[in-house]
Amino acid sequence: MIALIQRVQHAQVVVDEQVVGKIDAGLLIFLGVEKTDDEAKAKRLAERVCNYRVFEDEQGKMNLNVQQAGGSALVVSQFTLPADTRKGNRPSFSSAASGDFANDLYQKFAKACAERVTTETGQFAADMKVSLLNDGPVTFWLQV
């Protein structure tokens, strides 16, 4: 399971011209689910993401997690994250989890985040338009 996290000043997800998820300052989390993932990995990754210290403290050091910084989370499913791009000119999605299985783990990840911090989500398997203002920029790839 992969989370590409970005520290943002704000972010939102639009589906069919309707906002389905929106946050002010916090973390935009793109989540990729792989075939070998399970509920334990979803919970572990949510714990890591929510505890990851990417927000600045009073001394300007990245020493605070999203909850300590008073931020929120916006979780967006992204099946392209597990793509194998090591060769050729076209990505292979053979390691990405399929529909229902991926959606189940996506929902469990979002729920685990919501137990720690206010959490919004995109819409699984929809054509989403994601807009954000990256703060820093600060972007990290976390994998379990």
N, C-alpha and C. Protein backbone atom coordinates (compact mmCIF):
# COMPACT_ATOMS: atom_id res chain seq x y z
N MET A 1 0.85 -1.17 0.00
CA MET A 1 0.00 0.00 0.00
C MET A 1 0.89 1.23 0.00
N ILE A 2 0.52 2.19 -0.82
CA ILE A 2 1.34 3.38 -1.03
C ILE A 2 0.52 4.62 -0.74
N ALA A 3 1.13 5.56 -0.04
CA ALA A 3 0.52 6.87 0.17
C ALA A 3 1.50 7.93 -0.32
N LEU A 4 1.06 8.72 -1.26
CA LEU A 4 1.81 9.89 -1.67
C LEU A 4 1.14 11.06 -0.95
N ILE A 5 1.86 11.65 0.00
CA ILE A 5 1.25 12.70 0.82
C ILE A 5 1.83 14.05 0.46
N GLN A 6 0.97 15.05 0.45
CA GLN A 6 1.41 16.41 0.18
C GLN A 6 0.85 17.32 1.26
N ARG A 7 1.72 18.14 1.82
CA ARG A 7 1.28 19.16 2.77
C ARG A 7 0.65 20.27 1.95
N VAL A 8 -0.59 20.61 2.27
CA VAL A 8 -1.32 21.59 1.46
C VAL A 8 -1.89 22.71 2.33
N GLN A 9 -2.09 23.85 1.69
CA GLN A 9 -2.82 24.94 2.34
C GLN A 9 -4.31 24.73 2.16
N HIS A 10 -4.68 24.10 1.03
CA HIS A 10 -6.06 23.68 0.80
C HIS A 10 -6.08 22.70 -0.37
N ALA A 11 -7.12 21.89 -0.43
CA ALA A 11 -7.27 20.92 -1.53
C ALA A 11 -8.74 20.54 -1.64
N GLN A 12 -9.13 20.17 -2.86
CA GLN A 12 -10.49 19.69 -3.05
C GLN A 12 -10.56 18.71 -4.21
N VAL A 13 -11.63 17.90 -4.19
CA VAL A 13 -11.90 16.93 -5.24
C VAL A 13 -13.28 17.23 -5.81
N VAL A 14 -13.34 17.32 -7.14
CA VAL A 14 -14.59 17.58 -7.84
C VAL A 14 -14.91 16.38 -8.73
N VAL A 15 -16.18 15.93 -8.68
CA VAL A 15 -16.68 14.87 -9.54
C VAL A 15 -17.96 15.39 -10.18
N ASP A 16 -18.04 15.33 -11.48
CA ASP A 16 -19.22 15.83 -12.20
C ASP A 16 -19.61 17.24 -11.76
N GLU A 17 -18.60 18.09 -11.65
CA GLU A 17 -18.77 19.50 -11.30
C GLU A 17 -19.30 19.73 -9.88
N GLN A 18 -19.23 18.71 -9.03
CA GLN A 18 -19.65 18.81 -7.64
C GLN A 18 -18.46 18.52 -6.73
N VAL A 19 -18.26 19.37 -5.71
CA VAL A 19 -17.19 19.13 -4.74
C VAL A 19 -17.61 17.96 -3.86
N VAL A 20 -16.78 16.90 -3.83
CA VAL A 20 -17.09 15.73 -3.02
C VAL A 20 -16.20 15.65 -1.78
N GLY A 21 -15.10 16.37 -1.76
CA GLY A 21 -14.20 16.39 -0.61
C GLY A 21 -13.39 17.66 -0.64
N LYS A 22 -13.21 18.28 0.52
CA LYS A 22 -12.51 19.56 0.57
C LYS A 22 -11.91 19.75 1.95
N ILE A 23 -10.64 20.24 1.98
CA ILE A 23 -10.00 20.57 3.25
C ILE A 23 -9.28 21.90 3.14
N ASP A 24 -9.05 22.50 4.28
CA ASP A 24 -8.14 23.64 4.36
C ASP A 24 -6.76 23.04 4.62
N ALA A 25 -5.96 23.65 5.44
CA ALA A 25 -4.60 23.17 5.69
C ALA A 25 -4.59 21.73 6.19
N GLY A 26 -3.65 20.96 5.68
CA GLY A 26 -3.53 19.57 6.10
C GLY A 26 -2.76 18.73 5.11
N LEU A 27 -3.20 17.47 4.96
CA LEU A 27 -2.54 16.52 4.06
C LEU A 27 -3.49 16.05 2.98
N LEU A 28 -3.03 16.15 1.74
CA LEU A 28 -3.69 15.50 0.62
C LEU A 28 -2.99 14.16 0.47
N ILE A 29 -3.75 13.09 0.52
CA ILE A 29 -3.18 11.74 0.51
C ILE A 29 -3.70 10.99 -0.71
N PHE A 30 -2.79 10.72 -1.66
CA PHE A 30 -3.14 9.87 -2.78
C PHE A 30 -2.81 8.44 -2.36
N LEU A 31 -3.78 7.54 -2.45
CA LEU A 31 -3.61 6.18 -1.94
C LEU A 31 -3.66 5.16 -3.07
N GLY A 32 -2.60 4.35 -3.15
CA GLY A 32 -2.55 3.25 -4.11
C GLY A 32 -2.61 1.93 -3.38
N VAL A 33 -3.52 1.07 -3.80
CA VAL A 33 -3.71 -0.24 -3.16
C VAL A 33 -3.18 -1.32 -4.10
N GLU A 34 -2.37 -2.22 -3.54
CA GLU A 34 -1.79 -3.31 -4.31
C GLU A 34 -2.47 -4.63 -3.97
N LYS A 35 -2.32 -5.60 -4.84
CA LYS A 35 -2.96 -6.91 -4.67
C LYS A 35 -2.57 -7.58 -3.36
N THR A 36 -1.36 -7.35 -2.89
CA THR A 36 -0.86 -8.02 -1.69
C THR A 36 -1.23 -7.30 -0.40
N ASP A 37 -1.97 -6.21 -0.48
CA ASP A 37 -2.32 -5.43 0.71
C ASP A 37 -3.46 -6.10 1.48
N ASP A 38 -3.58 -5.69 2.74
CA ASP A 38 -4.65 -6.20 3.59
C ASP A 38 -5.03 -5.13 4.61
N GLU A 39 -6.00 -5.44 5.46
CA GLU A 39 -6.50 -4.47 6.43
C GLU A 39 -5.41 -4.01 7.40
N ALA A 40 -4.54 -4.91 7.79
CA ALA A 40 -3.46 -4.54 8.71
C ALA A 40 -2.54 -3.50 8.07
N LYS A 41 -2.24 -3.66 6.79
CA LYS A 41 -1.42 -2.67 6.10
C LYS A 41 -2.14 -1.32 5.99
N ALA A 42 -3.44 -1.36 5.75
CA ALA A 42 -4.21 -0.11 5.66
C ALA A 42 -4.16 0.64 6.98
N LYS A 43 -4.34 -0.06 8.08
CA LYS A 43 -4.30 0.58 9.40
C LYS A 43 -2.90 1.08 9.73
N ARG A 44 -1.89 0.30 9.39
CA ARG A 44 -0.50 0.70 9.67
C ARG A 44 -0.11 1.94 8.85
N LEU A 45 -0.50 1.97 7.59
CA LEU A 45 -0.17 3.12 6.76
C LEU A 45 -0.92 4.37 7.24
N ALA A 46 -2.16 4.23 7.63
CA ALA A 46 -2.92 5.37 8.16
C ALA A 46 -2.24 5.91 9.42
N GLU A 47 -1.78 5.02 10.27
CA GLU A 47 -1.05 5.44 11.48
C GLU A 47 0.22 6.19 11.12
N ARG A 48 0.97 5.66 10.17
CA ARG A 48 2.22 6.33 9.74
C ARG A 48 1.94 7.70 9.15
N VAL A 49 0.96 7.78 8.26
CA VAL A 49 0.63 9.05 7.60
C VAL A 49 0.20 10.09 8.63
N CYS A 50 -0.69 9.70 9.52
CA CYS A 50 -1.20 10.67 10.50
C CYS A 50 -0.17 11.07 11.55
N ASN A 51 0.83 10.24 11.75
CA ASN A 51 1.87 10.57 12.72
C ASN A 51 3.13 11.15 12.08
N TYR A 52 3.17 11.18 10.75
CA TYR A 52 4.35 11.66 10.04
C TYR A 52 4.51 13.16 10.28
N ARG A 53 5.69 13.54 10.72
CA ARG A 53 5.93 14.95 11.12
C ARG A 53 6.41 15.77 9.92
N VAL A 54 5.46 16.45 9.28
CA VAL A 54 5.77 17.24 8.09
C VAL A 54 5.35 18.71 8.24
N PHE A 55 4.85 19.06 9.42
CA PHE A 55 4.44 20.44 9.67
C PHE A 55 5.44 21.11 10.60
N GLU A 56 5.64 22.40 10.39
CA GLU A 56 6.65 23.13 11.14
C GLU A 56 6.20 23.48 12.55
N ASP A 57 7.16 23.40 13.48
CA ASP A 57 6.93 23.85 14.86
C ASP A 57 7.32 25.32 14.97
N GLU A 58 7.38 25.84 16.19
CA GLU A 58 7.69 27.25 16.41
C GLU A 58 9.09 27.63 15.92
N GLN A 59 9.99 26.65 15.85
CA GLN A 59 11.36 26.90 15.39
C GLN A 59 11.52 26.70 13.88
N GLY A 60 10.43 26.43 13.19
CA GLY A 60 10.49 26.23 11.74
C GLY A 60 10.97 24.86 11.31
N LYS A 61 11.02 23.90 12.24
CA LYS A 61 11.46 22.54 11.91
C LYS A 61 10.24 21.65 11.70
N MET A 62 10.33 20.73 10.74
CA MET A 62 9.24 19.78 10.52
C MET A 62 9.21 18.82 11.70
N ASN A 63 8.37 19.15 12.66
CA ASN A 63 8.36 18.41 13.91
C ASN A 63 6.94 18.08 14.38
N LEU A 64 5.91 18.49 13.62
CA LEU A 64 4.53 18.27 14.03
C LEU A 64 3.82 17.39 13.01
N ASN A 65 2.93 16.53 13.51
CA ASN A 65 2.10 15.74 12.60
C ASN A 65 0.83 16.54 12.27
N VAL A 66 0.00 16.00 11.42
CA VAL A 66 -1.18 16.73 10.95
C VAL A 66 -2.13 17.07 12.09
N GLN A 67 -2.31 16.18 13.03
CA GLN A 67 -3.20 16.45 14.16
C GLN A 67 -2.62 17.56 15.05
N GLN A 68 -1.34 17.47 15.36
CA GLN A 68 -0.70 18.49 16.18
C GLN A 68 -0.74 19.87 15.52
N ALA A 69 -0.72 19.89 14.19
CA ALA A 69 -0.75 21.15 13.45
C ALA A 69 -2.18 21.68 13.26
N GLY A 70 -3.18 20.91 13.70
CA GLY A 70 -4.57 21.33 13.56
C GLY A 70 -5.10 21.18 12.15
N GLY A 71 -4.50 20.28 11.37
CA GLY A 71 -4.90 20.10 9.98
C GLY A 71 -5.89 18.97 9.79
N SER A 72 -6.30 18.80 8.54
CA SER A 72 -7.23 17.75 8.13
C SER A 72 -6.57 16.87 7.08
N ALA A 73 -7.28 15.83 6.66
CA ALA A 73 -6.78 14.93 5.63
C ALA A 73 -7.82 14.79 4.52
N LEU A 74 -7.34 14.73 3.29
CA LEU A 74 -8.19 14.45 2.14
C LEU A 74 -7.58 13.23 1.45
N VAL A 75 -8.32 12.12 1.44
CA VAL A 75 -7.82 10.85 0.90
C VAL A 75 -8.43 10.63 -0.49
N VAL A 76 -7.55 10.42 -1.47
CA VAL A 76 -7.97 10.24 -2.86
C VAL A 76 -7.38 8.93 -3.37
N SER A 77 -8.24 8.04 -3.88
CA SER A 77 -7.74 6.78 -4.44
C SER A 77 -7.00 7.06 -5.75
N GLN A 78 -5.89 6.37 -5.94
CA GLN A 78 -5.12 6.55 -7.16
C GLN A 78 -4.48 5.23 -7.56
N PHE A 79 -5.15 4.53 -8.48
CA PHE A 79 -4.68 3.21 -8.88
C PHE A 79 -3.37 3.25 -9.64
N THR A 80 -2.94 4.43 -10.10
CA THR A 80 -1.69 4.51 -10.87
C THR A 80 -0.44 4.45 -9.98
N LEU A 81 -0.57 4.66 -8.69
CA LEU A 81 0.61 4.66 -7.82
C LEU A 81 1.37 3.32 -7.81
N PRO A 82 0.69 2.18 -7.82
CA PRO A 82 1.44 0.91 -7.83
C PRO A 82 1.99 0.51 -9.20
N ALA A 83 1.85 1.38 -10.19
CA ALA A 83 2.30 1.03 -11.54
C ALA A 83 3.79 0.70 -11.57
N ASP A 84 4.13 -0.28 -12.39
CA ASP A 84 5.53 -0.62 -12.63
C ASP A 84 5.98 0.20 -13.84
N THR A 85 6.92 1.11 -13.60
CA THR A 85 7.40 2.01 -14.66
C THR A 85 8.87 1.78 -14.98
N ARG A 86 9.40 0.64 -14.57
CA ARG A 86 10.84 0.39 -14.72
C ARG A 86 11.29 0.18 -16.15
N LYS A 87 10.40 -0.23 -17.03
CA LYS A 87 10.82 -0.45 -18.41
C LYS A 87 9.70 -0.08 -19.37
N GLY A 88 10.09 0.18 -20.60
CA GLY A 88 9.12 0.49 -21.64
C GLY A 88 8.58 1.90 -21.54
N ASN A 89 7.60 2.17 -22.38
CA ASN A 89 6.99 3.49 -22.44
C ASN A 89 5.53 3.48 -22.01
N ARG A 90 5.11 2.39 -21.40
CA ARG A 90 3.74 2.29 -20.93
C ARG A 90 3.77 1.61 -19.56
N PRO A 91 3.09 2.18 -18.56
CA PRO A 91 3.10 1.57 -17.24
C PRO A 91 2.33 0.25 -17.20
N SER A 92 2.76 -0.63 -16.33
CA SER A 92 2.05 -1.89 -16.09
C SER A 92 1.32 -1.77 -14.76
N PHE A 93 0.05 -2.13 -14.77
CA PHE A 93 -0.75 -2.05 -13.55
C PHE A 93 -1.02 -3.42 -12.95
N SER A 94 -0.16 -4.38 -13.25
CA SER A 94 -0.39 -5.76 -12.82
C SER A 94 -0.37 -5.93 -11.30
N SER A 95 0.28 -5.04 -10.58
CA SER A 95 0.32 -5.19 -9.12
C SER A 95 -0.79 -4.41 -8.42
N ALA A 96 -1.55 -3.60 -9.15
CA ALA A 96 -2.64 -2.82 -8.55
C ALA A 96 -3.81 -3.73 -8.20
N ALA A 97 -4.42 -3.46 -7.06
CA ALA A 97 -5.58 -4.24 -6.63
C ALA A 97 -6.79 -3.91 -7.50
N SER A 98 -7.69 -4.87 -7.62
CA SER A 98 -8.89 -4.65 -8.43
C SER A 98 -10.01 -4.01 -7.61
N GLY A 99 -11.01 -3.50 -8.31
CA GLY A 99 -12.15 -2.76 -7.82
C GLY A 99 -12.61 -2.91 -6.39
N ASP A 100 -13.41 -3.93 -6.11
CA ASP A 100 -14.03 -4.08 -4.79
C ASP A 100 -13.00 -4.24 -3.68
N PHE A 101 -11.97 -5.02 -3.96
CA PHE A 101 -10.91 -5.23 -2.97
C PHE A 101 -10.21 -3.92 -2.65
N ALA A 102 -9.84 -3.17 -3.69
CA ALA A 102 -9.16 -1.89 -3.50
C ALA A 102 -10.07 -0.89 -2.78
N ASN A 103 -11.33 -0.84 -3.16
CA ASN A 103 -12.26 0.09 -2.52
C ASN A 103 -12.42 -0.23 -1.04
N ASP A 104 -12.51 -1.50 -0.71
CA ASP A 104 -12.64 -1.90 0.69
C ASP A 104 -11.45 -1.40 1.51
N LEU A 105 -10.24 -1.60 1.01
CA LEU A 105 -9.05 -1.15 1.75
C LEU A 105 -8.92 0.37 1.75
N TYR A 106 -9.33 1.01 0.68
CA TYR A 106 -9.36 2.47 0.62
C TYR A 106 -10.28 3.02 1.71
N GLN A 107 -11.46 2.44 1.83
CA GLN A 107 -12.42 2.88 2.86
C GLN A 107 -11.88 2.62 4.27
N LYS A 108 -11.22 1.49 4.46
CA LYS A 108 -10.65 1.17 5.78
C LYS A 108 -9.51 2.13 6.12
N PHE A 109 -8.70 2.48 5.13
CA PHE A 109 -7.63 3.45 5.34
C PHE A 109 -8.23 4.80 5.75
N ALA A 110 -9.23 5.26 5.01
CA ALA A 110 -9.87 6.56 5.30
C ALA A 110 -10.50 6.54 6.69
N LYS A 111 -11.12 5.44 7.06
CA LYS A 111 -11.73 5.33 8.40
C LYS A 111 -10.66 5.39 9.48
N ALA A 112 -9.54 4.72 9.25
CA ALA A 112 -8.44 4.74 10.23
C ALA A 112 -7.87 6.15 10.36
N CYS A 113 -7.80 6.88 9.27
CA CYS A 113 -7.35 8.29 9.34
C CYS A 113 -8.36 9.11 10.12
N ALA A 114 -9.65 8.89 9.87
CA ALA A 114 -10.71 9.65 10.53
C ALA A 114 -10.74 9.43 12.04
N GLU A 115 -10.19 8.33 12.50
CA GLU A 115 -10.10 8.09 13.94
C GLU A 115 -9.06 8.99 14.59
N ARG A 116 -8.20 9.61 13.78
CA ARG A 116 -7.12 10.45 14.29
C ARG A 116 -7.29 11.93 13.97
N VAL A 117 -7.90 12.22 12.80
CA VAL A 117 -7.97 13.59 12.31
C VAL A 117 -9.21 13.73 11.42
N THR A 118 -9.75 14.92 11.30
CA THR A 118 -10.88 15.16 10.41
C THR A 118 -10.47 14.76 9.00
N THR A 119 -11.28 13.90 8.36
CA THR A 119 -10.91 13.32 7.08
C THR A 119 -12.04 13.43 6.07
N GLU A 120 -11.69 13.88 4.89
CA GLU A 120 -12.59 13.91 3.74
C GLU A 120 -12.04 12.91 2.73
N THR A 121 -12.87 12.53 1.75
CA THR A 121 -12.42 11.61 0.72
C THR A 121 -12.87 12.08 -0.66
N GLY A 122 -12.20 11.51 -1.65
CA GLY A 122 -12.65 11.64 -3.03
C GLY A 122 -13.73 10.60 -3.25
N GLN A 123 -13.97 10.26 -4.50
CA GLN A 123 -14.96 9.23 -4.84
C GLN A 123 -14.24 8.12 -5.57
N PHE A 124 -14.24 6.94 -4.98
CA PHE A 124 -13.50 5.82 -5.53
C PHE A 124 -13.94 5.53 -6.97
N ALA A 125 -12.97 5.32 -7.85
CA ALA A 125 -13.16 4.92 -9.24
C ALA A 125 -13.85 5.97 -10.10
N ALA A 126 -13.99 7.18 -9.60
CA ALA A 126 -14.60 8.25 -10.38
C ALA A 126 -13.53 9.00 -11.15
N ASP A 127 -13.95 9.74 -12.15
CA ASP A 127 -13.06 10.67 -12.85
C ASP A 127 -13.02 11.93 -12.00
N MET A 128 -11.97 12.07 -11.21
CA MET A 128 -11.88 13.16 -10.24
C MET A 128 -10.97 14.27 -10.75
N LYS A 129 -11.34 15.48 -10.41
CA LYS A 129 -10.51 16.64 -10.66
C LYS A 129 -10.01 17.11 -9.29
N VAL A 130 -8.71 17.03 -9.09
CA VAL A 130 -8.12 17.36 -7.80
C VAL A 130 -7.36 18.67 -7.94
N SER A 131 -7.68 19.61 -7.07
CA SER A 131 -6.92 20.87 -7.06
C SER A 131 -6.35 21.07 -5.67
N LEU A 132 -5.16 21.70 -5.63
CA LEU A 132 -4.49 21.86 -4.35
C LEU A 132 -3.50 23.01 -4.43
N LEU A 133 -3.15 23.50 -3.27
CA LEU A 133 -2.05 24.44 -3.14
C LEU A 133 -1.04 23.77 -2.22
N ASN A 134 0.01 23.20 -2.84
CA ASN A 134 1.04 22.50 -2.09
C ASN A 134 1.80 23.52 -1.25
N ASP A 135 2.01 23.20 0.01
CA ASP A 135 2.66 24.10 0.96
C ASP A 135 4.10 23.66 1.13
N GLY A 136 5.02 24.39 0.56
CA GLY A 136 6.44 24.09 0.73
C GLY A 136 7.24 24.21 -0.55
N PRO A 137 7.11 23.36 -1.52
CA PRO A 137 6.30 22.14 -1.56
C PRO A 137 6.87 21.04 -0.66
N VAL A 138 5.96 20.30 -0.06
CA VAL A 138 6.34 19.17 0.79
C VAL A 138 5.55 17.95 0.30
N THR A 139 6.27 16.95 -0.21
CA THR A 139 5.66 15.74 -0.74
C THR A 139 6.50 14.54 -0.32
N PHE A 140 5.83 13.49 0.19
CA PHE A 140 6.54 12.29 0.62
C PHE A 140 5.80 11.05 0.10
N TRP A 141 6.57 10.00 -0.15
CA TRP A 141 6.06 8.70 -0.57
C TRP A 141 6.24 7.76 0.62
N LEU A 142 5.13 7.23 1.14
CA LEU A 142 5.19 6.26 2.24
C LEU A 142 4.61 4.94 1.75
N GLN A 143 5.26 3.85 2.14
CA GLN A 143 4.82 2.55 1.69
C GLN A 143 4.95 1.55 2.82
N VAL A 144 3.95 0.67 2.95
CA VAL A 144 4.03 -0.43 3.92
C VAL A 144 3.80 -1.74 3.21
